[in-house]
Amino acid sequence: MEYAIIIGIDHYDKRALSGAVADAEAFAKFLTDMQLVSNPDNIKLLKSDASNQIVIGYEIDSAIEAITENAKAHRNETNRIYFYFSGHGIGNTFNNTALCMRFWPKMINHCISSLDYLTGLINKGIFDEVLLFLDCCRENDTMIKGLPPIGDWQNKVGERVPRVLVCNSTIYGKLSYEVSIDSNQKRGAFTSFLIESLKGDADINNSGKITALDLKQHIETNFPTYALKYNKIQNGSASTDNGGDNIVICEVKKLEEAYNFEITFNRNSNVTLYNKNADKLRTADVVTGEKWHYKLEKGNYVLLDNVSGEQKTIINFSENTVGYEQF
């Protein structure tokens, strides 16, 4: 059985964010659409608004306990839990990030410890696979102390040793960025890349499935290029434990269309598409809503609006899945 705890916080007392709630909603929708969590009731989506608090010891811990009780009824199955966070974060150590809750930084330690929560999930003794995805900054600050889960989280129950995958949007000590994906909507660069990766881009070998090792290699190899498309310097990281490389995260459909890239235009203009060698692939007038379909090799391409001079880099990470871009 599959479960998910998904947290998105925009409404900080100071340094409010714009895309964390949208990231959390998008990740929850992705898990549902891909049926990676087969029962939507098993997704606990905790997101900030102008009035709520996202308080340690209530929403998150209560969600974990509710999921744990449900998982006990499925102890003879392979139980997987996704733990996703988008918001502000502080790097405590190479392996630990303080995940900031609503009242940070007004209450400087209103944070939870990613490592302690991971340990708590492992020690529940009911999960076979634990997958953490953290889209937040990891600038170092040893003064911030993320709190552990409430209750007896340090003592291990049973003999299960879950396979673990931890994905961070940035390396220790560095920043994580929100970017305008399309129509000026702010989103976390990493979450947008992550979802597209799990839809197929990370299926490097066209095997029809994506393992944790596939995703890890895809993040480390291709995410810096994706971030650079938005003029950001950001390097994601991933780590595994107890055989986590072999986790099959999802199955993906092999390419069936005659094309592997779709460009949708939101302008009336004249546009040129250049390939990775700066050769012209096509120049034509376009109108809003028009789509171009191409079979592209892996690599970087450039769209140029010949009227306004605006340029946009598009990246095809996989020849085996359909990529989408707006311009």
C-alpha atoms as a PDB file:
ATOM      1  CA  MET A   1       0.000   0.000   0.000  1.00  0.00           C
ATOM      2  CA  GLU A   2       1.169   3.525  -0.778  1.00  0.00           C
ATOM      3  CA  TYR A   3       0.936   6.635   1.393  1.00  0.00           C
ATOM      4  CA  ALA A   4       2.030  10.259   1.132  1.00  0.00           C
ATOM      5  CA  ILE A   5       2.531  13.219   3.435  1.00  0.00           C
ATOM      6  CA  ILE A   6       2.848  16.369   1.344  1.00  0.00           C
ATOM      7  CA  ILE A   7       3.628  19.762   2.895  1.00  0.00           C
ATOM      8  CA  GLY A   8       3.666  23.124   1.133  1.00  0.00           C
ATOM      9  CA  ILE A   9       4.196  26.423   2.965  1.00  0.00           C
ATOM     10  CA  ASP A  10       4.017  29.860   1.332  1.00  0.00           C
ATOM     11  CA  HIS A  11       2.619  31.958   4.175  1.00  0.00           C
ATOM     12  CA  TYR A  12       5.610  32.657   6.371  1.00  0.00           C
ATOM     13  CA  ASP A  13       5.418  35.647   8.724  1.00  0.00           C
ATOM     14  CA  LYS A  14       8.477  36.949   6.899  1.00  0.00           C
ATOM     15  CA  ARG A  15      10.004  35.969   3.553  1.00  0.00           C
ATOM     16  CA  ALA A  16       6.778  34.580   2.121  1.00  0.00           C
ATOM     17  CA  LEU A  17       7.072  32.235  -0.835  1.00  0.00           C
ATOM     18  CA  SER A  18       4.949  32.062  -3.992  1.00  0.00           C
ATOM     19  CA  GLY A  19       5.275  28.525  -5.313  1.00  0.00           C
ATOM     20  CA  ALA A  20       5.493  26.085  -2.405  1.00  0.00           C
ATOM     21  CA  VAL A  21       1.749  25.462  -2.102  1.00  0.00           C
ATOM     22  CA  ALA A  22       1.485  25.094  -5.881  1.00  0.00           C
ATOM     23  CA  ASP A  23       4.383  22.620  -5.764  1.00  0.00           C
ATOM     24  CA  ALA A  24       2.681  20.548  -3.073  1.00  0.00           C
ATOM     25  CA  GLU A  25      -0.601  20.528  -4.975  1.00  0.00           C
ATOM     26  CA  ALA A  26       1.175  19.548  -8.196  1.00  0.00           C
ATOM     27  CA  PHE A  27       3.048  16.696  -6.503  1.00  0.00           C
ATOM     28  CA  ALA A  28      -0.149  15.385  -4.895  1.00  0.00           C
ATOM     29  CA  LYS A  29      -1.931  15.534  -8.259  1.00  0.00           C
ATOM     30  CA  PHE A  30       0.974  13.752  -9.915  1.00  0.00           C
ATOM     31  CA  LEU A  31       0.861  10.887  -7.400  1.00  0.00           C
ATOM     32  CA  THR A  32      -2.893  10.579  -7.952  1.00  0.00           C
ATOM     33  CA  ASP A  33      -2.802  10.858 -11.745  1.00  0.00           C
ATOM     34  CA  MET A  34      -0.009   8.292 -12.032  1.00  0.00           C
ATOM     35  CA  GLN A  35      -1.737   6.104  -9.415  1.00  0.00           C
ATOM     36  CA  LEU A  36       1.482   5.998  -7.421  1.00  0.00           C
ATOM     37  CA  VAL A  37      -0.829   6.285  -4.431  1.00  0.00           C
ATOM     38  CA  SER A  38      -3.732   4.070  -5.418  1.00  0.00           C
ATOM     39  CA  ASN A  39      -6.115   5.367  -2.730  1.00  0.00           C
ATOM     40  CA  PRO A  40      -6.387   9.192  -2.734  1.00  0.00           C
ATOM     41  CA  ASP A  41      -7.461   9.067   0.925  1.00  0.00           C
ATOM     42  CA  ASN A  42      -3.919   7.931   1.726  1.00  0.00           C
ATOM     43  CA  ILE A  43      -2.529  11.309   0.640  1.00  0.00           C
ATOM     44  CA  LYS A  44      -2.296  13.830   3.474  1.00  0.00           C
ATOM     45  CA  LEU A  45      -1.879  17.252   1.833  1.00  0.00           C
ATOM     46  CA  LEU A  46      -0.911  19.921   4.359  1.00  0.00           C
ATOM     47  CA  LYS A  47      -0.635  23.399   2.874  1.00  0.00           C
ATOM     48  CA  SER A  48      -0.515  26.875   4.322  1.00  0.00           C
ATOM     49  CA  ASP A  49      -3.080  29.605   3.921  1.00  0.00           C
ATOM     50  CA  ALA A  50      -3.449  33.044   5.457  1.00  0.00           C
ATOM     51  CA  SER A  51      -4.960  31.722   8.683  1.00  0.00           C
ATOM     52  CA  ASN A  52      -3.557  28.270   9.472  1.00  0.00           C
ATOM     53  CA  GLN A  53      -0.420  27.503  11.401  1.00  0.00           C
ATOM     54  CA  ILE A  54       1.000  24.156  10.156  1.00  0.00           C
ATOM     55  CA  VAL A  55       1.990  23.406  13.734  1.00  0.00           C
ATOM     56  CA  ILE A  56       4.575  20.809  14.723  1.00  0.00           C
ATOM     57  CA  GLY A  57       3.007  18.092  16.842  1.00  0.00           C
ATOM     58  CA  TYR A  58      -0.403  18.318  15.262  1.00  0.00           C
ATOM     59  CA  GLU A  59      -0.877  18.296  11.501  1.00  0.00           C
ATOM     60  CA  ILE A  60       2.294  16.472  10.475  1.00  0.00           C
ATOM     61  CA  ASP A  61       2.624  14.097  13.409  1.00  0.00           C
ATOM     62  CA  SER A  62      -1.098  13.336  13.389  1.00  0.00           C
ATOM     63  CA  ALA A  63      -0.928  12.559   9.670  1.00  0.00           C
ATOM     64  CA  ILE A  64       1.996  10.192  10.242  1.00  0.00           C
ATOM     65  CA  GLU A  65       0.154   8.379  13.026  1.00  0.00           C
ATOM     66  CA  ALA A  66      -3.021   8.027  10.946  1.00  0.00           C
ATOM     67  CA  ILE A  67      -1.025   6.605   8.043  1.00  0.00           C
ATOM     68  CA  THR A  68       0.884   4.255  10.341  1.00  0.00           C
ATOM     69  CA  GLU A  69      -2.341   2.836  11.761  1.00  0.00           C
ATOM     70  CA  ASN A  70      -3.692   2.250   8.266  1.00  0.00           C
ATOM     71  CA  ALA A  71      -0.432   0.659   7.129  1.00  0.00           C
ATOM     72  CA  LYS A  72      -0.584  -1.835   9.992  1.00  0.00           C
ATOM     73  CA  ALA A  73      -3.669  -3.318   8.389  1.00  0.00           C
ATOM     74  CA  HIS A  74      -1.581  -3.902   5.252  1.00  0.00           C
ATOM     75  CA  ARG A  75       1.538  -5.237   6.943  1.00  0.00           C
ATOM     76  CA  ASN A  76       1.609  -8.216   4.561  1.00  0.00           C
ATOM     77  CA  GLU A  77       1.923  -5.880   1.562  1.00  0.00           C
ATOM     78  CA  THR A  78       4.833  -3.732   0.424  1.00  0.00           C
ATOM     79  CA  ASN A  79       4.158  -0.428   2.155  1.00  0.00           C
ATOM     80  CA  ARG A  80       5.637   2.721   0.652  1.00  0.00           C
ATOM     81  CA  ILE A  81       5.501   6.253   2.045  1.00  0.00           C
ATOM     82  CA  TYR A  82       6.336   9.488   0.245  1.00  0.00           C
ATOM     83  CA  PHE A  83       7.323  12.461   2.407  1.00  0.00           C
ATOM     84  CA  TYR A  84       7.405  15.701   0.406  1.00  0.00           C
ATOM     85  CA  PHE A  85       8.188  19.213   1.632  1.00  0.00           C
ATOM     86  CA  SER A  86       8.281  22.548  -0.188  1.00  0.00           C
ATOM     87  CA  GLY A  87       9.093  25.712   1.725  1.00  0.00           C
ATOM     88  CA  HIS A  88      12.020  27.337   3.495  1.00  0.00           C
ATOM     89  CA  GLY A  89      14.824  25.119   4.745  1.00  0.00           C
ATOM     90  CA  ILE A  90      18.089  25.446   6.658  1.00  0.00           C
ATOM     91  CA  GLY A  91      21.061  23.105   6.301  1.00  0.00           C
ATOM     92  CA  ASN A  92      22.098  21.781   9.722  1.00  0.00           C
ATOM     93  CA  THR A  93      24.500  19.088   8.509  1.00  0.00           C
ATOM     94  CA  PHE A  94      25.259  17.324   5.250  1.00  0.00           C
ATOM     95  CA  ASN A  95      22.430  14.843   5.955  1.00  0.00           C
ATOM     96  CA  ASN A  96      19.985  16.973   7.926  1.00  0.00           C
ATOM     97  CA  THR A  97      17.796  19.900   6.924  1.00  0.00           C
ATOM     98  CA  ALA A  98      15.603  21.961   9.222  1.00  0.00           C
ATOM     99  CA  LEU A  99      12.260  22.251   7.433  1.00  0.00           C
ATOM    100  CA  CYS A 100      10.770  25.614   8.391  1.00  0.00           C
ATOM    101  CA  MET A 101       7.168  25.828   9.549  1.00  0.00           C
ATOM    102  CA  ARG A 102       4.777  28.787   9.383  1.00  0.00           C
ATOM    103  CA  PHE A 103       6.164  30.950  12.207  1.00  0.00           C
ATOM    104  CA  TRP A 104       9.810  30.806  11.142  1.00  0.00           C
ATOM    105  CA  PRO A 105      11.842  33.056  11.398  1.00  0.00           C
ATOM    106  CA  LYS A 106       9.748  34.922  13.985  1.00  0.00           C
ATOM    107  CA  MET A 107      10.053  31.756  16.069  1.00  0.00           C
ATOM    108  CA  ILE A 108      13.562  30.860  14.964  1.00  0.00           C
ATOM    109  CA  ASN A 109      13.334  27.147  15.763  1.00  0.00           C
ATOM    110  CA  HIS A 110       9.813  26.606  14.422  1.00  0.00           C
ATOM    111  CA  CYS A 111      11.253  23.856  12.240  1.00  0.00           C
ATOM    112  CA  ILE A 112      11.310  20.075  12.025  1.00  0.00           C
ATOM    113  CA  SER A 113      14.354  17.892  11.446  1.00  0.00           C
ATOM    114  CA  SER A 114      14.298  16.031   8.134  1.00  0.00           C
ATOM    115  CA  LEU A 115      16.725  13.421   9.467  1.00  0.00           C
ATOM    116  CA  ASP A 116      14.727  12.802  12.643  1.00  0.00           C
ATOM    117  CA  TYR A 117      11.485  12.460  10.685  1.00  0.00           C
ATOM    118  CA  LEU A 118      13.182  10.062   8.268  1.00  0.00           C
ATOM    119  CA  THR A 119      14.479   8.049  11.219  1.00  0.00           C
ATOM    120  CA  GLY A 120      11.025   8.065  12.780  1.00  0.00           C
ATOM    121  CA  LEU A 121       9.434   6.692   9.605  1.00  0.00           C
ATOM    122  CA  ILE A 122      12.097   3.995   9.350  1.00  0.00           C
ATOM    123  CA  ASN A 123      11.615   3.001  12.977  1.00  0.00           C
ATOM    124  CA  LYS A 124       7.846   2.611  12.616  1.00  0.00           C
ATOM    125  CA  GLY A 125       8.597  -0.916  11.409  1.00  0.00           C
ATOM    126  CA  ILE A 126       5.699  -0.880   8.962  1.00  0.00           C
ATOM    127  CA  PHE A 127       7.180   0.726   5.829  1.00  0.00           C
ATOM    128  CA  ASP A 128       9.271  -1.156   3.259  1.00  0.00           C
ATOM    129  CA  GLU A 129      10.142   1.908   1.157  1.00  0.00           C
ATOM    130  CA  VAL A 130      10.591   5.482   2.364  1.00  0.00           C
ATOM    131  CA  LEU A 131      10.976   8.246  -0.251  1.00  0.00           C
ATOM    132  CA  LEU A 132      11.771  11.838   0.801  1.00  0.00           C
ATOM    133  CA  PHE A 133      11.634  14.773  -1.600  1.00  0.00           C
ATOM    134  CA  LEU A 134      12.724  18.128  -0.163  1.00  0.00           C
ATOM    135  CA  ASP A 135      12.389  21.306  -2.237  1.00  0.00           C
ATOM    136  CA  CYS A 136      13.986  23.934  -0.001  1.00  0.00           C
ATOM    137  CA  CYS A 137      17.184  25.868   0.629  1.00  0.00           C
ATOM    138  CA  ARG A 138      20.002  24.238   2.603  1.00  0.00           C
ATOM    139  CA  GLU A 139      22.147  27.232   3.566  1.00  0.00           C
ATOM    140  CA  ASN A 140      24.101  26.278   6.661  1.00  0.00           C
ATOM    141  CA  ASP A 141      23.027  27.626  10.061  1.00  0.00           C
ATOM    142  CA  THR A 142      23.951  25.585  13.113  1.00  0.00           C
ATOM    143  CA  MET A 143      21.829  27.842  15.354  1.00  0.00           C
ATOM    144  CA  ILE A 144      18.606  26.443  13.861  1.00  0.00           C
ATOM    145  CA  LYS A 145      17.447  23.235  15.527  1.00  0.00           C
ATOM    146  CA  GLY A 146      14.727  21.280  13.798  1.00  0.00           C
ATOM    147  CA  LEU A 147      12.484  19.441  16.232  1.00  0.00           C
ATOM    148  CA  PRO A 148      11.922  15.650  16.087  1.00  0.00           C
ATOM    149  CA  PRO A 149       8.544  13.917  15.786  1.00  0.00           C
ATOM    150  CA  ILE A 150       6.391  13.752  18.881  1.00  0.00           C
ATOM    151  CA  GLY A 151       6.477  10.440  20.694  1.00  0.00           C
ATOM    152  CA  ASP A 152       8.791   7.445  20.697  1.00  0.00           C
ATOM    153  CA  TRP A 153      10.469   7.901  17.336  1.00  0.00           C
ATOM    154  CA  GLN A 154      13.998   6.720  18.240  1.00  0.00           C
ATOM    155  CA  ASN A 155      13.186   3.128  19.186  1.00  0.00           C
ATOM    156  CA  LYS A 156      12.872   0.748  16.283  1.00  0.00           C
ATOM    157  CA  VAL A 157       9.813  -1.483  16.033  1.00  0.00           C
ATOM    158  CA  GLY A 158      10.145  -4.893  14.362  1.00  0.00           C
ATOM    159  CA  GLU A 159      12.781  -6.155  11.969  1.00  0.00           C
ATOM    160  CA  ARG A 160      11.871  -4.389   8.733  1.00  0.00           C
ATOM    161  CA  VAL A 161      14.706  -2.409   7.184  1.00  0.00           C
ATOM    162  CA  PRO A 162      13.121  -0.145   4.576  1.00  0.00           C
ATOM    163  CA  ARG A 163      14.834   0.870   1.392  1.00  0.00           C
ATOM    164  CA  VAL A 164      15.348   4.629   1.386  1.00  0.00           C
ATOM    165  CA  LEU A 165      15.596   7.387  -1.220  1.00  0.00           C
ATOM    166  CA  VAL A 166      16.244  11.017  -0.251  1.00  0.00           C
ATOM    167  CA  CYS A 167      16.181  13.723  -2.934  1.00  0.00           C
ATOM    168  CA  ASN A 168      17.212  17.306  -2.176  1.00  0.00           C
ATOM    169  CA  SER A 169      16.578  20.253  -4.442  1.00  0.00           C
ATOM    170  CA  THR A 170      20.032  21.626  -3.743  1.00  0.00           C
ATOM    171  CA  ILE A 171      23.326  20.513  -2.276  1.00  0.00           C
ATOM    172  CA  TYR A 172      24.264  21.233   1.341  1.00  0.00           C
ATOM    173  CA  GLY A 173      24.998  24.886   2.013  1.00  0.00           C
ATOM    174  CA  LYS A 174      23.312  26.210  -1.137  1.00  0.00           C
ATOM    175  CA  LEU A 175      20.101  27.946  -2.174  1.00  0.00           C
ATOM    176  CA  SER A 176      17.017  26.555  -3.869  1.00  0.00           C
ATOM    177  CA  TYR A 177      14.980  28.719  -6.243  1.00  0.00           C
ATOM    178  CA  GLU A 178      11.458  29.407  -7.395  1.00  0.00           C
ATOM    179  CA  VAL A 179      11.102  30.163 -11.096  1.00  0.00           C
ATOM    180  CA  SER A 180       8.348  31.265 -13.476  1.00  0.00           C
ATOM    181  CA  ILE A 181       7.387  28.075 -15.284  1.00  0.00           C
ATOM    182  CA  ASP A 182       4.667  29.427 -17.565  1.00  0.00           C
ATOM    183  CA  SER A 183       2.205  32.337 -17.501  1.00  0.00           C
ATOM    184  CA  ASN A 184       4.431  33.820 -14.763  1.00  0.00           C
ATOM    185  CA  GLN A 185       3.323  31.165 -12.274  1.00  0.00           C
ATOM    186  CA  LYS A 186       6.001  30.678  -9.633  1.00  0.00           C
ATOM    187  CA  ARG A 187       7.053  27.111  -8.924  1.00  0.00           C
ATOM    188  CA  GLY A 188      10.025  25.397  -7.382  1.00  0.00           C
ATOM    189  CA  ALA A 189      12.490  24.620 -10.155  1.00  0.00           C
ATOM    190  CA  PHE A 190      13.266  21.261  -8.573  1.00  0.00           C
ATOM    191  CA  THR A 191       9.669  20.097  -8.159  1.00  0.00           C
ATOM    192  CA  SER A 192       8.846  20.974 -11.756  1.00  0.00           C
ATOM    193  CA  PHE A 193      11.902  19.027 -12.899  1.00  0.00           C
ATOM    194  CA  LEU A 194      11.073  16.133 -10.557  1.00  0.00           C
ATOM    195  CA  ILE A 195       7.551  15.678 -11.870  1.00  0.00           C
ATOM    196  CA  GLU A 196       8.672  15.759 -15.495  1.00  0.00           C
ATOM    197  CA  SER A 197      11.453  13.310 -14.629  1.00  0.00           C
ATOM    198  CA  LEU A 198       9.021  10.807 -13.141  1.00  0.00           C
ATOM    199  CA  LYS A 199       6.656  11.181 -16.066  1.00  0.00           C
ATOM    200  CA  GLY A 200       9.364   9.672 -18.242  1.00  0.00           C
ATOM    201  CA  ASP A 201      12.440  11.840 -18.655  1.00  0.00           C
ATOM    202  CA  ALA A 202      14.373   9.789 -16.093  1.00  0.00           C
ATOM    203  CA  ASP A 203      13.734   6.556 -18.010  1.00  0.00           C
ATOM    204  CA  ILE A 204      17.225   6.718 -19.393  1.00  0.00           C
ATOM    205  CA  ASN A 205      17.240   3.235 -20.894  1.00  0.00           C
ATOM    206  CA  ASN A 206      13.695   3.264 -22.299  1.00  0.00           C
ATOM    207  CA  SER A 207      12.896   0.327 -20.023  1.00  0.00           C
ATOM    208  CA  GLY A 208       9.374   1.469 -19.218  1.00  0.00           C
ATOM    209  CA  LYS A 209      10.217   2.011 -15.559  1.00  0.00           C
ATOM    210  CA  ILE A 210      12.127   4.490 -13.409  1.00  0.00           C
ATOM    211  CA  THR A 211      14.213   3.277 -10.504  1.00  0.00           C
ATOM    212  CA  ALA A 212      15.636   5.381  -7.707  1.00  0.00           C
ATOM    213  CA  LEU A 213      19.054   4.973  -9.314  1.00  0.00           C
ATOM    214  CA  ASP A 214      17.672   6.266 -12.633  1.00  0.00           C
ATOM    215  CA  LEU A 215      16.208   9.306 -10.898  1.00  0.00           C
ATOM    216  CA  LYS A 216      19.374   9.913  -8.900  1.00  0.00           C
ATOM    217  CA  GLN A 217      21.533   9.901 -12.029  1.00  0.00           C
ATOM    218  CA  HIS A 218      19.055  12.063 -13.928  1.00  0.00           C
ATOM    219  CA  ILE A 219      18.953  14.672 -11.151  1.00  0.00           C
ATOM    220  CA  GLU A 220      22.717  14.855 -10.802  1.00  0.00           C
ATOM    221  CA  THR A 221      23.340  14.935 -14.553  1.00  0.00           C
ATOM    222  CA  ASN A 222      20.512  17.067 -15.923  1.00  0.00           C
ATOM    223  CA  PHE A 223      18.982  19.250 -13.217  1.00  0.00           C
ATOM    224  CA  PRO A 224      21.786  21.864 -13.310  1.00  0.00           C
ATOM    225  CA  THR A 225      21.060  22.370 -17.028  1.00  0.00           C
ATOM    226  CA  TYR A 226      17.324  22.660 -16.329  1.00  0.00           C
ATOM    227  CA  ALA A 227      17.934  25.291 -13.633  1.00  0.00           C
ATOM    228  CA  LEU A 228      20.288  27.212 -15.907  1.00  0.00           C
ATOM    229  CA  LYS A 229      17.426  27.548 -18.380  1.00  0.00           C
ATOM    230  CA  TYR A 230      15.878  29.886 -15.795  1.00  0.00           C
ATOM    231  CA  ASN A 231      19.223  31.615 -15.126  1.00  0.00           C
ATOM    232  CA  LYS A 232      19.674  29.821 -11.805  1.00  0.00           C
ATOM    233  CA  ILE A 233      22.698  27.939 -10.485  1.00  0.00           C
ATOM    234  CA  GLN A 234      21.288  24.954  -8.633  1.00  0.00           C
ATOM    235  CA  ASN A 235      22.482  21.378  -8.247  1.00  0.00           C
ATOM    236  CA  GLY A 236      20.130  18.762  -6.852  1.00  0.00           C
ATOM    237  CA  SER A 237      21.301  15.707  -4.971  1.00  0.00           C
ATOM    238  CA  ALA A 238      19.995  12.250  -4.150  1.00  0.00           C
ATOM    239  CA  SER A 239      21.091   9.481  -1.819  1.00  0.00           C
ATOM    240  CA  THR A 240      19.934   5.956  -1.140  1.00  0.00           C
ATOM    241  CA  ASP A 241      20.262   3.474   1.689  1.00  0.00           C
ATOM    242  CA  ASN A 242      19.550  -0.225   2.336  1.00  0.00           C
ATOM    243  CA  GLY A 243      19.197  -1.053  -1.358  1.00  0.00           C
ATOM    244  CA  GLY A 244      17.292   2.104  -2.189  1.00  0.00           C
ATOM    245  CA  ASP A 245      18.811   2.232  -5.686  1.00  0.00           C
ATOM    246  CA  ASN A 246      16.560  -0.685  -6.623  1.00  0.00           C
ATOM    247  CA  ILE A 247      13.279   0.983  -5.685  1.00  0.00           C
ATOM    248  CA  VAL A 248      11.051   1.006  -8.766  1.00  0.00           C
ATOM    249  CA  ILE A 249       9.390   4.385  -8.323  1.00  0.00           C
ATOM    250  CA  CYS A 250       7.015   4.146 -11.249  1.00  0.00           C
ATOM    251  CA  GLU A 251       6.308   2.632 -14.625  1.00  0.00           C
ATOM    252  CA  VAL A 252       6.040   4.898 -17.643  1.00  0.00           C
ATOM    253  CA  LYS A 253       4.567   4.477 -21.082  1.00  0.00           C
ATOM    254  CA  LYS A 254       6.967   4.083 -23.935  1.00  0.00           C
ATOM    255  CA  LEU A 255       6.773   6.666 -26.691  1.00  0.00           C
ATOM    256  CA  GLU A 256       3.877   5.978 -29.050  1.00  0.00           C
ATOM    257  CA  GLU A 257       3.543   9.322 -30.841  1.00  0.00           C
ATOM    258  CA  ALA A 258       5.463  10.151 -34.010  1.00  0.00           C
ATOM    259  CA  TYR A 259       6.994  13.124 -32.163  1.00  0.00           C
ATOM    260  CA  ASN A 260       8.722  13.567 -28.816  1.00  0.00           C
ATOM    261  CA  PHE A 261       8.356  17.315 -28.302  1.00  0.00           C
ATOM    262  CA  GLU A 262       5.387  19.697 -28.404  1.00  0.00           C
ATOM    263  CA  ILE A 263       5.777  23.483 -28.442  1.00  0.00           C
ATOM    264  CA  THR A 264       2.658  25.549 -27.770  1.00  0.00           C
ATOM    265  CA  PHE A 265       2.734  29.226 -28.683  1.00  0.00           C
ATOM    266  CA  ASN A 266       1.181  32.017 -26.623  1.00  0.00           C
ATOM    267  CA  ARG A 267       1.949  34.796 -29.127  1.00  0.00           C
ATOM    268  CA  ASN A 268       1.252  36.059 -32.616  1.00  0.00           C
ATOM    269  CA  SER A 269       4.663  36.530 -34.182  1.00  0.00           C
ATOM    270  CA  ASN A 270       7.373  35.060 -36.373  1.00  0.00           C
ATOM    271  CA  VAL A 271       9.496  32.391 -34.689  1.00  0.00           C
ATOM    272  CA  THR A 272      12.641  30.393 -35.459  1.00  0.00           C
ATOM    273  CA  LEU A 273      13.608  27.109 -33.863  1.00  0.00           C
ATOM    274  CA  TYR A 274      17.362  26.406 -33.738  1.00  0.00           C
ATOM    275  CA  ASN A 275      18.837  22.987 -33.007  1.00  0.00           C
ATOM    276  CA  LYS A 276      21.720  22.230 -30.668  1.00  0.00           C
ATOM    277  CA  ASN A 277      24.200  23.077 -33.440  1.00  0.00           C
ATOM    278  CA  ALA A 278      22.556  26.504 -33.958  1.00  0.00           C
ATOM    279  CA  ASP A 279      21.117  25.381 -37.302  1.00  0.00           C
ATOM    280  CA  LYS A 280      17.646  26.609 -38.242  1.00  0.00           C
ATOM    281  CA  LEU A 281      15.034  23.863 -38.012  1.00  0.00           C
ATOM    282  CA  ARG A 282      12.073  26.044 -38.879  1.00  0.00           C
ATOM    283  CA  THR A 283      11.053  29.688 -39.310  1.00  0.00           C
ATOM    284  CA  ALA A 284       7.360  30.539 -39.559  1.00  0.00           C
ATOM    285  CA  ASP A 285       4.573  32.874 -38.481  1.00  0.00           C
ATOM    286  CA  VAL A 286       2.703  31.552 -35.446  1.00  0.00           C
ATOM    287  CA  VAL A 287      -0.543  32.418 -33.648  1.00  0.00           C
ATOM    288  CA  THR A 288      -1.649  31.892 -30.073  1.00  0.00           C
ATOM    289  CA  GLY A 289      -2.571  28.260 -29.463  1.00  0.00           C
ATOM    290  CA  GLU A 290      -0.613  26.907 -32.423  1.00  0.00           C
ATOM    291  CA  LYS A 291       1.509  23.798 -31.741  1.00  0.00           C
ATOM    292  CA  TRP A 292       4.681  22.518 -33.350  1.00  0.00           C
ATOM    293  CA  HIS A 293       5.521  18.835 -33.104  1.00  0.00           C
ATOM    294  CA  TYR A 294       9.053  17.544 -33.583  1.00  0.00           C
ATOM    295  CA  LYS A 295      11.140  14.427 -33.181  1.00  0.00           C
ATOM    296  CA  LEU A 296      14.116  15.924 -31.349  1.00  0.00           C
ATOM    297  CA  GLU A 297      17.390  14.391 -30.276  1.00  0.00           C
ATOM    298  CA  LYS A 298      18.544  14.884 -26.703  1.00  0.00           C
ATOM    299  CA  GLY A 299      20.034  18.316 -26.138  1.00  0.00           C
ATOM    300  CA  ASN A 300      19.409  22.062 -25.965  1.00  0.00           C
ATOM    301  CA  TYR A 301      17.386  24.024 -28.513  1.00  0.00           C
ATOM    302  CA  VAL A 302      16.543  27.718 -28.831  1.00  0.00           C
ATOM    303  CA  LEU A 303      13.314  29.454 -29.789  1.00  0.00           C
ATOM    304  CA  LEU A 304      13.712  33.009 -31.113  1.00  0.00           C
ATOM    305  CA  ASP A 305      10.903  35.525 -31.544  1.00  0.00           C
ATOM    306  CA  ASN A 306      12.121  37.363 -34.634  1.00  0.00           C
ATOM    307  CA  VAL A 307       9.901  40.366 -33.887  1.00  0.00           C
ATOM    308  CA  SER A 308      10.581  41.016 -30.196  1.00  0.00           C
ATOM    309  CA  GLY A 309      13.992  39.366 -30.011  1.00  0.00           C
ATOM    310  CA  GLU A 310      12.894  37.216 -27.063  1.00  0.00           C
ATOM    311  CA  GLN A 311      14.706  33.891 -26.754  1.00  0.00           C
ATOM    312  CA  LYS A 312      13.924  30.721 -24.830  1.00  0.00           C
ATOM    313  CA  THR A 313      16.069  27.648 -24.350  1.00  0.00           C
ATOM    314  CA  ILE A 314      14.255  24.332 -24.431  1.00  0.00           C
ATOM    315  CA  ILE A 315      15.810  21.072 -23.350  1.00  0.00           C
ATOM    316  CA  ASN A 316      14.930  17.591 -24.507  1.00  0.00           C
ATOM    317  CA  PHE A 317      16.141  15.237 -21.784  1.00  0.00           C
ATOM    318  CA  SER A 318      14.762  12.053 -23.324  1.00  0.00           C
ATOM    319  CA  GLU A 319      14.094  10.893 -26.847  1.00  0.00           C
ATOM    320  CA  ASN A 320      11.703   8.266 -25.494  1.00  0.00           C
ATOM    321  CA  THR A 321       9.096  10.526 -23.867  1.00  0.00           C
ATOM    322  CA  VAL A 322       7.130  13.575 -24.963  1.00  0.00           C
ATOM    323  CA  GLY A 323       8.406  16.916 -23.706  1.00  0.00           C
ATOM    324  CA  TYR A 324       6.297  20.063 -23.570  1.00  0.00           C
ATOM    325  CA  GLU A 325       7.191  23.736 -23.735  1.00  0.00           C
ATOM    326  CA  GLN A 326       5.326  27.034 -24.057  1.00  0.00           C
ATOM    327  CA  PHE A 327       6.629  30.107 -25.846  1.00  0.00           C
END
